[in-house]
C-alpha cells in the first residue's frame, strides 16, 4: 500500500511539472506521392501544406489519436497494426505574437488504409491531395518539410525550431 504522504507530494509536484505536448502525424505515401492538406483559416501557417496531423488528447494511445485525426480530417481509416513510427521530432513551435510551445511530434507511416481522401475539415483546410515526394509544394510547412527530408534519409530523430529560440 502506498504511503499517503508520498501521494500528496507526488500530486503537488505533478501539478507544477513541465508537460510536453505530443502531436501525431501521418506519412501516407501512395505511388511516390504523399497525402497533404493545405491549411486555411486557422491563423497558423495558412496556405502551407502539411500532412494529416493532430494533437494527442490524453488518456489514449498515440496510434488511437492518429487514427482519430486521420478519420476526422481526411476520411482515411487506419488500423493500429498497419502503423509504424518513422520519425520523432522535438520541436519548438513558434507562434504569432511571440508565443511558443514545445511538442514531441511522432510521425507514423501507414502500410495500408481504407477510405477515399476527402477534406472533412473545410473550416481548417481548403485542399487535400497527394503530392509528388520529389516535388513538394513550395509552401510546404518548414517543420513538415524537415520531417519528410529526415524520413527520406532514414533519420529517426530530429530537433526543429530551436535555432530561432532566444535560449
N, C-alpha and C. Protein backbone atom coordinates (compact mmCIF):
# COMPACT_ATOMS: atom_id res chain seq x y z
N UNK A 1 0.84 -1.18 0.00
CA UNK A 1 0.00 0.00 0.00
C UNK A 1 0.88 1.25 0.00
N UNK A 2 0.50 2.25 -0.82
CA UNK A 2 1.28 3.47 -0.93
C UNK A 2 1.04 4.39 0.26
N UNK A 3 2.09 5.02 0.70
CA UNK A 3 2.05 5.99 1.78
C UNK A 3 1.29 7.23 1.30
N UNK A 4 0.33 7.70 2.06
CA UNK A 4 -0.49 8.86 1.68
C UNK A 4 0.34 10.13 1.54
N UNK A 5 1.39 10.27 2.36
CA UNK A 5 2.22 11.48 2.26
C UNK A 5 2.96 11.49 0.92
N UNK A 6 3.39 10.30 0.45
CA UNK A 6 4.02 10.20 -0.87
C UNK A 6 3.05 10.66 -1.95
N UNK A 7 1.81 10.18 -1.88
CA UNK A 7 0.81 10.55 -2.88
C UNK A 7 0.51 12.04 -2.87
N UNK A 8 0.48 12.65 -1.71
CA UNK A 8 0.23 14.08 -1.60
C UNK A 8 1.37 14.87 -2.25
N UNK A 9 2.62 14.50 -1.94
CA UNK A 9 3.78 15.18 -2.53
C UNK A 9 3.81 14.95 -4.04
N UNK A 10 3.53 13.74 -4.47
CA UNK A 10 3.51 13.42 -5.90
C UNK A 10 2.48 14.30 -6.62
N UNK A 11 1.30 14.43 -6.06
CA UNK A 11 0.23 15.22 -6.66
C UNK A 11 0.64 16.70 -6.76
N UNK A 12 1.28 17.22 -5.74
CA UNK A 12 1.73 18.61 -5.75
C UNK A 12 2.80 18.83 -6.82
N UNK A 13 3.75 17.91 -6.92
CA UNK A 13 4.81 18.04 -7.92
C UNK A 13 4.24 17.93 -9.33
N UNK A 14 3.31 17.02 -9.54
CA UNK A 14 2.71 16.84 -10.87
C UNK A 14 1.97 18.08 -11.33
N UNK A 15 1.35 18.79 -10.38
CA UNK A 15 0.58 19.99 -10.74
C UNK A 15 1.47 21.08 -11.33
N UNK A 16 2.75 21.12 -10.96
CA UNK A 16 3.63 22.17 -11.43
C UNK A 16 4.70 21.67 -12.41
N UNK A 17 4.77 20.39 -12.63
CA UNK A 17 5.80 19.82 -13.51
C UNK A 17 5.55 20.20 -14.97
N UNK A 18 6.63 20.47 -15.70
CA UNK A 18 6.53 20.76 -17.12
C UNK A 18 5.92 19.56 -17.85
N UNK A 19 5.02 19.84 -18.77
CA UNK A 19 4.39 18.77 -19.53
C UNK A 19 4.64 19.02 -21.01
N UNK A 20 5.15 18.02 -21.67
CA UNK A 20 5.46 18.11 -23.09
C UNK A 20 4.25 17.66 -23.90
N UNK A 21 3.80 18.51 -24.82
CA UNK A 21 2.68 18.14 -25.70
C UNK A 21 3.15 17.09 -26.70
N UNK A 22 2.24 16.30 -27.19
CA UNK A 22 2.55 15.32 -28.23
C UNK A 22 1.62 15.54 -29.42
N UNK A 23 2.20 15.50 -30.60
CA UNK A 23 1.43 15.59 -31.84
C UNK A 23 1.64 14.33 -32.65
N UNK A 24 0.62 13.94 -33.38
CA UNK A 24 0.70 12.75 -34.23
C UNK A 24 0.54 13.18 -35.68
N UNK A 25 1.35 12.60 -36.57
CA UNK A 25 1.41 12.99 -37.97
C UNK A 25 1.37 11.73 -38.83
N UNK A 26 0.66 11.80 -39.95
CA UNK A 26 0.53 10.66 -40.85
C UNK A 26 1.39 10.87 -42.09
N UNK A 27 2.31 9.96 -42.33
CA UNK A 27 3.15 9.95 -43.52
C UNK A 27 2.58 8.85 -44.42
N UNK A 28 1.62 9.22 -45.27
CA UNK A 28 0.91 8.26 -46.12
C UNK A 28 1.34 8.44 -47.57
N UNK A 29 2.10 7.47 -48.06
CA UNK A 29 2.65 7.53 -49.41
C UNK A 29 1.94 6.52 -50.29
N UNK A 30 1.56 6.98 -51.47
CA UNK A 30 0.92 6.13 -52.48
C UNK A 30 1.59 6.45 -53.81
N UNK A 31 2.28 5.46 -54.39
CA UNK A 31 2.97 5.63 -55.68
C UNK A 31 3.85 6.88 -55.68
N UNK A 32 4.72 7.01 -54.69
CA UNK A 32 5.66 8.12 -54.56
C UNK A 32 4.98 9.48 -54.41
N UNK A 33 3.75 9.49 -53.95
CA UNK A 33 3.03 10.73 -53.66
C UNK A 33 2.59 10.70 -52.19
N UNK A 34 2.71 11.85 -51.53
CA UNK A 34 2.40 11.98 -50.11
C UNK A 34 1.07 12.70 -49.93
N UNK A 35 0.21 12.16 -49.06
CA UNK A 35 -1.06 12.82 -48.78
C UNK A 35 -0.80 14.09 -47.97
N UNK A 36 -1.28 15.23 -48.52
CA UNK A 36 -1.06 16.53 -47.87
C UNK A 36 -2.34 17.34 -47.85
N UNK A 37 -2.40 18.27 -46.91
CA UNK A 37 -3.53 19.19 -46.76
C UNK A 37 -2.98 20.61 -46.78
N UNK A 38 -3.75 21.53 -47.33
CA UNK A 38 -3.36 22.94 -47.27
C UNK A 38 -4.19 23.64 -46.20
N UNK A 39 -3.48 24.18 -45.21
CA UNK A 39 -4.13 24.86 -44.09
C UNK A 39 -4.83 26.12 -44.56
N UNK A 40 -5.96 26.43 -43.93
CA UNK A 40 -6.73 27.60 -44.31
C UNK A 40 -7.57 28.07 -43.13
N UNK A 41 -7.62 29.37 -42.93
CA UNK A 41 -8.49 29.99 -41.93
C UNK A 41 -8.20 29.55 -40.49
N UNK A 42 -6.96 29.19 -40.18
CA UNK A 42 -6.63 28.78 -38.81
C UNK A 42 -5.82 29.85 -38.08
N UNK A 43 -5.16 30.73 -38.84
CA UNK A 43 -4.30 31.73 -38.22
C UNK A 43 -2.88 31.25 -38.01
N UNK A 44 -2.62 29.97 -38.26
CA UNK A 44 -1.27 29.42 -38.13
C UNK A 44 -0.92 28.69 -39.43
N UNK A 45 0.09 29.18 -40.12
CA UNK A 45 0.60 28.60 -41.36
C UNK A 45 -0.49 28.43 -42.43
N UNK A 46 -1.43 29.34 -42.48
CA UNK A 46 -2.45 29.28 -43.53
C UNK A 46 -1.77 29.36 -44.89
N UNK A 47 -2.22 28.54 -45.82
CA UNK A 47 -1.62 28.46 -47.15
C UNK A 47 -0.50 27.44 -47.24
N UNK A 48 -0.07 26.91 -46.11
CA UNK A 48 1.01 25.91 -46.10
C UNK A 48 0.44 24.50 -46.18
N UNK A 49 1.20 23.65 -46.85
CA UNK A 49 0.84 22.24 -46.92
C UNK A 49 1.45 21.49 -45.75
N UNK A 50 0.65 20.61 -45.17
CA UNK A 50 1.06 19.76 -44.05
C UNK A 50 0.55 18.35 -44.34
N UNK A 51 0.92 17.42 -43.52
CA UNK A 51 0.35 16.07 -43.59
C UNK A 51 -0.79 16.00 -42.58
N UNK A 52 -1.68 15.02 -42.70
CA UNK A 52 -2.72 14.88 -41.68
C UNK A 52 -2.07 14.77 -40.30
N UNK A 53 -2.60 15.56 -39.35
CA UNK A 53 -1.97 15.61 -38.04
C UNK A 53 -2.95 16.09 -37.00
N UNK A 54 -2.55 15.94 -35.78
CA UNK A 54 -3.38 16.44 -34.70
C UNK A 54 -2.72 16.26 -33.37
N UNK A 55 -3.40 16.69 -32.36
CA UNK A 55 -2.87 16.61 -31.01
C UNK A 55 -3.33 15.35 -30.29
N UNK A 56 -2.49 14.92 -29.39
CA UNK A 56 -2.83 13.82 -28.50
C UNK A 56 -3.67 14.41 -27.39
N UNK A 57 -4.87 13.88 -27.19
CA UNK A 57 -5.80 14.42 -26.21
C UNK A 57 -5.60 13.88 -24.81
N UNK A 58 -4.71 12.90 -24.65
CA UNK A 58 -4.50 12.29 -23.34
C UNK A 58 -5.41 11.09 -23.14
N UNK A 59 -4.98 10.21 -22.30
CA UNK A 59 -5.74 9.00 -21.96
C UNK A 59 -6.12 8.19 -23.19
N UNK A 60 -5.21 8.17 -24.17
CA UNK A 60 -5.39 7.36 -25.37
C UNK A 60 -4.01 7.03 -25.92
N UNK A 61 -3.85 5.86 -26.52
CA UNK A 61 -2.57 5.56 -27.19
C UNK A 61 -2.35 6.52 -28.36
N UNK A 62 -1.11 6.78 -28.69
CA UNK A 62 -0.81 7.68 -29.80
C UNK A 62 -1.40 7.17 -31.11
N UNK A 63 -1.40 5.85 -31.31
CA UNK A 63 -1.99 5.32 -32.55
C UNK A 63 -3.48 5.63 -32.61
N UNK A 64 -4.16 5.58 -31.49
CA UNK A 64 -5.58 5.92 -31.45
C UNK A 64 -5.79 7.38 -31.82
N UNK A 65 -4.92 8.25 -31.31
CA UNK A 65 -5.02 9.68 -31.64
C UNK A 65 -4.84 9.89 -33.15
N UNK A 66 -3.85 9.21 -33.74
CA UNK A 66 -3.62 9.35 -35.18
C UNK A 66 -4.80 8.82 -35.99
N UNK A 67 -5.31 7.67 -35.61
CA UNK A 67 -6.46 7.08 -36.30
C UNK A 67 -7.66 8.04 -36.26
N UNK A 68 -7.89 8.63 -35.10
CA UNK A 68 -9.00 9.58 -34.92
C UNK A 68 -8.78 10.81 -35.81
N UNK A 69 -7.58 11.38 -35.76
CA UNK A 69 -7.29 12.59 -36.54
C UNK A 69 -7.39 12.33 -38.05
N UNK A 70 -6.85 11.21 -38.51
CA UNK A 70 -6.90 10.90 -39.95
C UNK A 70 -8.34 10.78 -40.43
N UNK A 71 -9.18 10.14 -39.64
CA UNK A 71 -10.60 9.99 -39.99
C UNK A 71 -11.29 11.36 -39.98
N UNK A 72 -11.05 12.14 -38.93
CA UNK A 72 -11.69 13.46 -38.81
C UNK A 72 -11.31 14.39 -39.95
N UNK A 73 -10.03 14.39 -40.32
CA UNK A 73 -9.54 15.35 -41.31
C UNK A 73 -9.71 14.90 -42.75
N UNK A 74 -9.49 13.60 -43.01
CA UNK A 74 -9.35 13.16 -44.41
C UNK A 74 -10.21 11.97 -44.82
N UNK A 75 -11.03 11.44 -43.91
CA UNK A 75 -11.86 10.28 -44.24
C UNK A 75 -11.05 8.99 -44.41
N UNK A 76 -9.80 8.97 -43.96
CA UNK A 76 -8.94 7.80 -44.06
C UNK A 76 -9.13 6.94 -42.81
N UNK A 77 -9.32 5.65 -43.01
CA UNK A 77 -9.41 4.71 -41.89
C UNK A 77 -8.11 3.92 -41.81
N UNK A 78 -7.58 3.84 -40.60
CA UNK A 78 -6.32 3.15 -40.34
C UNK A 78 -6.51 2.13 -39.23
N UNK A 79 -5.64 1.13 -39.20
CA UNK A 79 -5.62 0.14 -38.14
C UNK A 79 -4.29 0.25 -37.40
N UNK A 80 -4.29 0.12 -36.08
CA UNK A 80 -3.03 0.24 -35.32
C UNK A 80 -1.93 -0.70 -35.82
N UNK A 81 -2.31 -1.87 -36.25
CA UNK A 81 -1.31 -2.85 -36.71
C UNK A 81 -0.66 -2.45 -38.03
N UNK A 82 -1.24 -1.48 -38.74
CA UNK A 82 -0.69 -1.02 -40.01
C UNK A 82 0.16 0.24 -39.86
N UNK A 83 0.40 0.68 -38.62
CA UNK A 83 1.14 1.90 -38.37
C UNK A 83 2.51 1.60 -37.77
N UNK A 84 3.49 2.36 -38.25
CA UNK A 84 4.86 2.21 -37.74
C UNK A 84 5.47 3.60 -37.59
N UNK A 85 6.10 3.85 -36.45
CA UNK A 85 6.76 5.14 -36.24
C UNK A 85 7.93 5.23 -37.21
N UNK A 86 8.00 6.34 -37.95
CA UNK A 86 9.10 6.52 -38.91
C UNK A 86 9.95 7.75 -38.59
N UNK A 87 9.47 8.62 -37.69
CA UNK A 87 10.27 9.77 -37.30
C UNK A 87 9.71 10.38 -36.01
N UNK A 88 10.63 10.90 -35.20
CA UNK A 88 10.27 11.61 -33.97
C UNK A 88 11.02 12.94 -34.00
N UNK A 89 10.28 14.02 -33.75
CA UNK A 89 10.87 15.36 -33.76
C UNK A 89 10.54 16.08 -32.46
N UNK A 90 11.55 16.65 -31.81
CA UNK A 90 11.32 17.54 -30.67
C UNK A 90 11.33 18.94 -31.25
N UNK A 91 10.17 19.59 -31.20
CA UNK A 91 10.00 20.87 -31.91
C UNK A 91 9.65 21.99 -30.96
N UNK A 92 10.26 23.12 -31.21
CA UNK A 92 9.83 24.36 -30.58
C UNK A 92 8.92 25.03 -31.59
N UNK A 93 7.64 25.05 -31.28
CA UNK A 93 6.63 25.58 -32.20
C UNK A 93 6.45 27.07 -31.91
N UNK A 94 6.99 27.88 -32.80
CA UNK A 94 6.87 29.33 -32.67
C UNK A 94 5.55 29.77 -33.28
N UNK A 95 4.86 30.66 -32.56
CA UNK A 95 3.55 31.12 -32.99
C UNK A 95 3.54 32.64 -33.07
N UNK A 96 2.46 33.20 -33.60
CA UNK A 96 2.37 34.67 -33.67
C UNK A 96 2.45 35.31 -32.26
N UNK A 97 2.79 36.57 -32.23
CA UNK A 97 2.84 37.39 -31.02
C UNK A 97 3.83 36.86 -29.98
N UNK A 98 4.89 36.20 -30.44
CA UNK A 98 5.93 35.73 -29.52
C UNK A 98 5.57 34.51 -28.70
N UNK A 99 4.45 33.89 -28.98
CA UNK A 99 4.06 32.70 -28.24
C UNK A 99 4.80 31.48 -28.79
N UNK A 100 4.99 30.48 -27.97
CA UNK A 100 5.63 29.24 -28.41
C UNK A 100 5.28 28.12 -27.44
N UNK A 101 5.49 26.90 -27.90
CA UNK A 101 5.37 25.74 -27.02
C UNK A 101 6.24 24.63 -27.57
N UNK A 102 6.64 23.74 -26.68
CA UNK A 102 7.42 22.57 -27.09
C UNK A 102 6.46 21.42 -27.38
N UNK A 103 6.82 20.60 -28.36
CA UNK A 103 5.99 19.46 -28.71
C UNK A 103 6.86 18.33 -29.22
N UNK A 104 6.48 17.13 -28.89
CA UNK A 104 7.11 15.94 -29.44
C UNK A 104 6.21 15.47 -30.57
N UNK A 105 6.72 15.51 -31.81
CA UNK A 105 5.95 15.12 -32.98
C UNK A 105 6.31 13.69 -33.36
N UNK A 106 5.31 12.84 -33.43
CA UNK A 106 5.51 11.44 -33.78
C UNK A 106 4.92 11.22 -35.17
N UNK A 107 5.76 10.87 -36.13
CA UNK A 107 5.34 10.60 -37.50
C UNK A 107 5.16 9.10 -37.67
N UNK A 108 3.99 8.72 -38.15
CA UNK A 108 3.68 7.32 -38.41
C UNK A 108 3.54 7.09 -39.90
N UNK A 109 4.10 5.98 -40.36
CA UNK A 109 3.93 5.53 -41.73
C UNK A 109 2.83 4.47 -41.71
N UNK A 110 1.92 4.54 -42.66
CA UNK A 110 0.84 3.55 -42.76
C UNK A 110 1.12 2.61 -43.92
N UNK A 111 1.09 1.30 -43.65
CA UNK A 111 1.31 0.34 -44.72
C UNK A 111 0.02 0.08 -45.52
N UNK A 112 -1.12 0.34 -44.87
CA UNK A 112 -2.42 0.17 -45.54
C UNK A 112 -3.40 1.18 -44.98
N UNK A 113 -4.42 1.48 -45.75
CA UNK A 113 -5.51 2.33 -45.29
C UNK A 113 -6.74 2.02 -46.12
N UNK A 114 -7.87 2.48 -45.66
CA UNK A 114 -9.08 2.39 -46.47
C UNK A 114 -9.75 3.76 -46.45
N UNK A 115 -10.68 3.94 -47.37
CA UNK A 115 -11.36 5.21 -47.49
C UNK A 115 -10.78 6.04 -48.62
N UNK A 116 -11.55 6.98 -49.09
CA UNK A 116 -11.12 7.90 -50.13
C UNK A 116 -10.78 9.23 -49.48
N UNK A 117 -9.57 9.74 -49.69
CA UNK A 117 -9.21 11.01 -49.06
C UNK A 117 -10.16 12.14 -49.47
N UNK A 118 -10.71 12.80 -48.46
CA UNK A 118 -11.62 13.93 -48.64
C UNK A 118 -11.26 15.01 -47.64
N UNK A 119 -11.67 16.23 -47.92
CA UNK A 119 -11.50 17.32 -46.96
C UNK A 119 -12.71 17.33 -46.03
N UNK A 120 -12.53 16.80 -44.83
CA UNK A 120 -13.62 16.74 -43.87
C UNK A 120 -13.56 17.88 -42.86
N UNK A 121 -12.58 18.78 -43.01
CA UNK A 121 -12.50 19.95 -42.13
C UNK A 121 -12.31 21.22 -42.98
N UNK A 122 -13.33 21.58 -43.77
CA UNK A 122 -13.19 22.75 -44.65
C UNK A 122 -12.99 24.06 -43.90
N UNK A 123 -13.26 24.08 -42.60
CA UNK A 123 -13.02 25.28 -41.81
C UNK A 123 -11.54 25.44 -41.45
N UNK A 124 -10.73 24.39 -41.68
CA UNK A 124 -9.30 24.44 -41.34
C UNK A 124 -8.40 24.14 -42.54
N UNK A 125 -9.00 23.69 -43.62
CA UNK A 125 -8.22 23.20 -44.76
C UNK A 125 -9.00 23.47 -46.04
N UNK A 126 -8.29 23.86 -47.11
CA UNK A 126 -9.01 24.10 -48.37
C UNK A 126 -8.59 23.17 -49.50
N UNK A 127 -7.69 22.20 -49.19
CA UNK A 127 -7.30 21.25 -50.23
C UNK A 127 -6.68 20.01 -49.58
N UNK A 128 -7.04 18.84 -50.12
CA UNK A 128 -6.43 17.57 -49.73
C UNK A 128 -6.02 16.89 -51.02
N UNK A 129 -4.74 16.53 -51.13
CA UNK A 129 -4.29 15.88 -52.36
C UNK A 129 -2.99 15.13 -52.10
N UNK A 130 -2.69 14.20 -53.01
CA UNK A 130 -1.41 13.51 -52.99
C UNK A 130 -0.42 14.34 -53.80
N UNK A 131 0.71 14.68 -53.19
CA UNK A 131 1.75 15.50 -53.83
C UNK A 131 2.98 14.64 -54.10
N UNK A 132 3.66 14.85 -55.23
CA UNK A 132 4.88 14.08 -55.52
C UNK A 132 5.94 14.32 -54.44
N UNK A 133 6.48 13.25 -53.92
CA UNK A 133 7.51 13.38 -52.88
C UNK A 133 8.75 14.09 -53.37
N UNK A 134 9.05 13.97 -54.66
CA UNK A 134 10.26 14.62 -55.20
C UNK A 134 10.00 16.05 -55.66
N UNK A 135 8.75 16.53 -55.48
CA UNK A 135 8.41 17.89 -55.88
C UNK A 135 7.30 18.41 -54.95
N UNK A 136 7.65 18.55 -53.66
CA UNK A 136 6.68 19.05 -52.69
C UNK A 136 6.29 20.49 -53.01
N UNK A 137 5.09 20.89 -52.65
CA UNK A 137 4.70 22.29 -52.88
C UNK A 137 5.69 23.24 -52.22
N UNK A 138 5.97 24.38 -52.86
CA UNK A 138 6.91 25.35 -52.28
C UNK A 138 6.42 25.88 -50.94
N UNK A 139 5.13 25.81 -50.72
CA UNK A 139 4.56 26.30 -49.47
C UNK A 139 4.37 25.19 -48.43
N UNK A 140 5.14 24.12 -48.54
CA UNK A 140 5.10 23.07 -47.51
C UNK A 140 5.62 23.66 -46.20
N UNK A 141 4.93 23.39 -45.12
CA UNK A 141 5.35 23.86 -43.80
C UNK A 141 6.81 23.48 -43.55
N UNK A 142 7.63 24.41 -43.09
CA UNK A 142 9.05 24.09 -42.87
C UNK A 142 9.29 22.89 -41.94
N UNK A 143 8.54 22.77 -40.87
CA UNK A 143 8.79 21.64 -39.97
C UNK A 143 8.36 20.32 -40.61
N UNK A 144 7.31 20.34 -41.40
CA UNK A 144 6.87 19.13 -42.10
C UNK A 144 7.88 18.78 -43.19
N UNK A 145 8.35 19.77 -43.92
CA UNK A 145 9.37 19.53 -44.95
C UNK A 145 10.62 18.90 -44.30
N UNK A 146 11.02 19.45 -43.15
CA UNK A 146 12.18 18.91 -42.43
C UNK A 146 11.96 17.44 -42.06
N UNK A 147 10.79 17.13 -41.54
CA UNK A 147 10.48 15.74 -41.16
C UNK A 147 10.51 14.83 -42.38
N UNK A 148 9.93 15.27 -43.49
CA UNK A 148 9.90 14.46 -44.71
C UNK A 148 11.32 14.18 -45.19
N UNK A 149 12.17 15.20 -45.17
CA UNK A 149 13.57 15.01 -45.58
C UNK A 149 14.27 14.01 -44.66
N UNK A 150 14.01 14.11 -43.36
CA UNK A 150 14.61 13.16 -42.40
C UNK A 150 14.12 11.74 -42.66
N UNK A 151 12.84 11.58 -42.91
CA UNK A 151 12.27 10.26 -43.18
C UNK A 151 12.91 9.68 -44.44
N UNK A 152 13.05 10.50 -45.48
CA UNK A 152 13.64 10.02 -46.73
C UNK A 152 15.10 9.60 -46.55
N UNK A 153 15.81 10.23 -45.60
CA UNK A 153 17.21 9.87 -45.32
C UNK A 153 17.33 8.75 -44.29
N UNK A 154 16.19 8.30 -43.74
CA UNK A 154 16.23 7.26 -42.72
C UNK A 154 16.66 7.77 -41.35
N UNK A 155 16.57 9.07 -41.15
CA UNK A 155 16.93 9.68 -39.86
C UNK A 155 15.72 9.60 -38.94
N UNK A 156 15.85 8.87 -37.85
CA UNK A 156 14.71 8.60 -36.97
C UNK A 156 14.35 9.75 -36.05
N UNK A 157 15.33 10.55 -35.63
CA UNK A 157 15.08 11.62 -34.66
C UNK A 157 15.66 12.94 -35.16
N UNK A 158 14.94 14.04 -34.89
CA UNK A 158 15.47 15.37 -35.20
C UNK A 158 14.90 16.39 -34.23
N UNK A 159 15.49 17.58 -34.28
CA UNK A 159 15.01 18.71 -33.50
C UNK A 159 14.77 19.86 -34.47
N UNK A 160 13.74 20.65 -34.19
CA UNK A 160 13.38 21.71 -35.13
C UNK A 160 12.86 22.93 -34.36
N UNK A 161 13.23 24.12 -34.82
CA UNK A 161 12.72 25.36 -34.26
C UNK A 161 13.60 25.95 -33.19
N UNK A 162 14.51 25.19 -32.67
CA UNK A 162 15.35 25.65 -31.57
C UNK A 162 16.37 26.67 -32.04
N UNK A 163 16.74 26.62 -33.31
CA UNK A 163 17.73 27.55 -33.82
C UNK A 163 17.22 28.99 -33.79
N UNK A 164 15.91 29.18 -33.68
CA UNK A 164 15.32 30.51 -33.65
C UNK A 164 14.96 30.97 -32.25
N UNK A 165 15.20 30.13 -31.26
CA UNK A 165 14.81 30.48 -29.89
C UNK A 165 15.87 31.37 -29.25
N UNK A 166 15.44 32.19 -28.35
CA UNK A 166 16.36 33.04 -27.59
C UNK A 166 16.65 32.34 -26.27
N UNK A 167 17.33 31.22 -26.34
CA UNK A 167 17.57 30.36 -25.18
C UNK A 167 18.03 31.13 -23.99
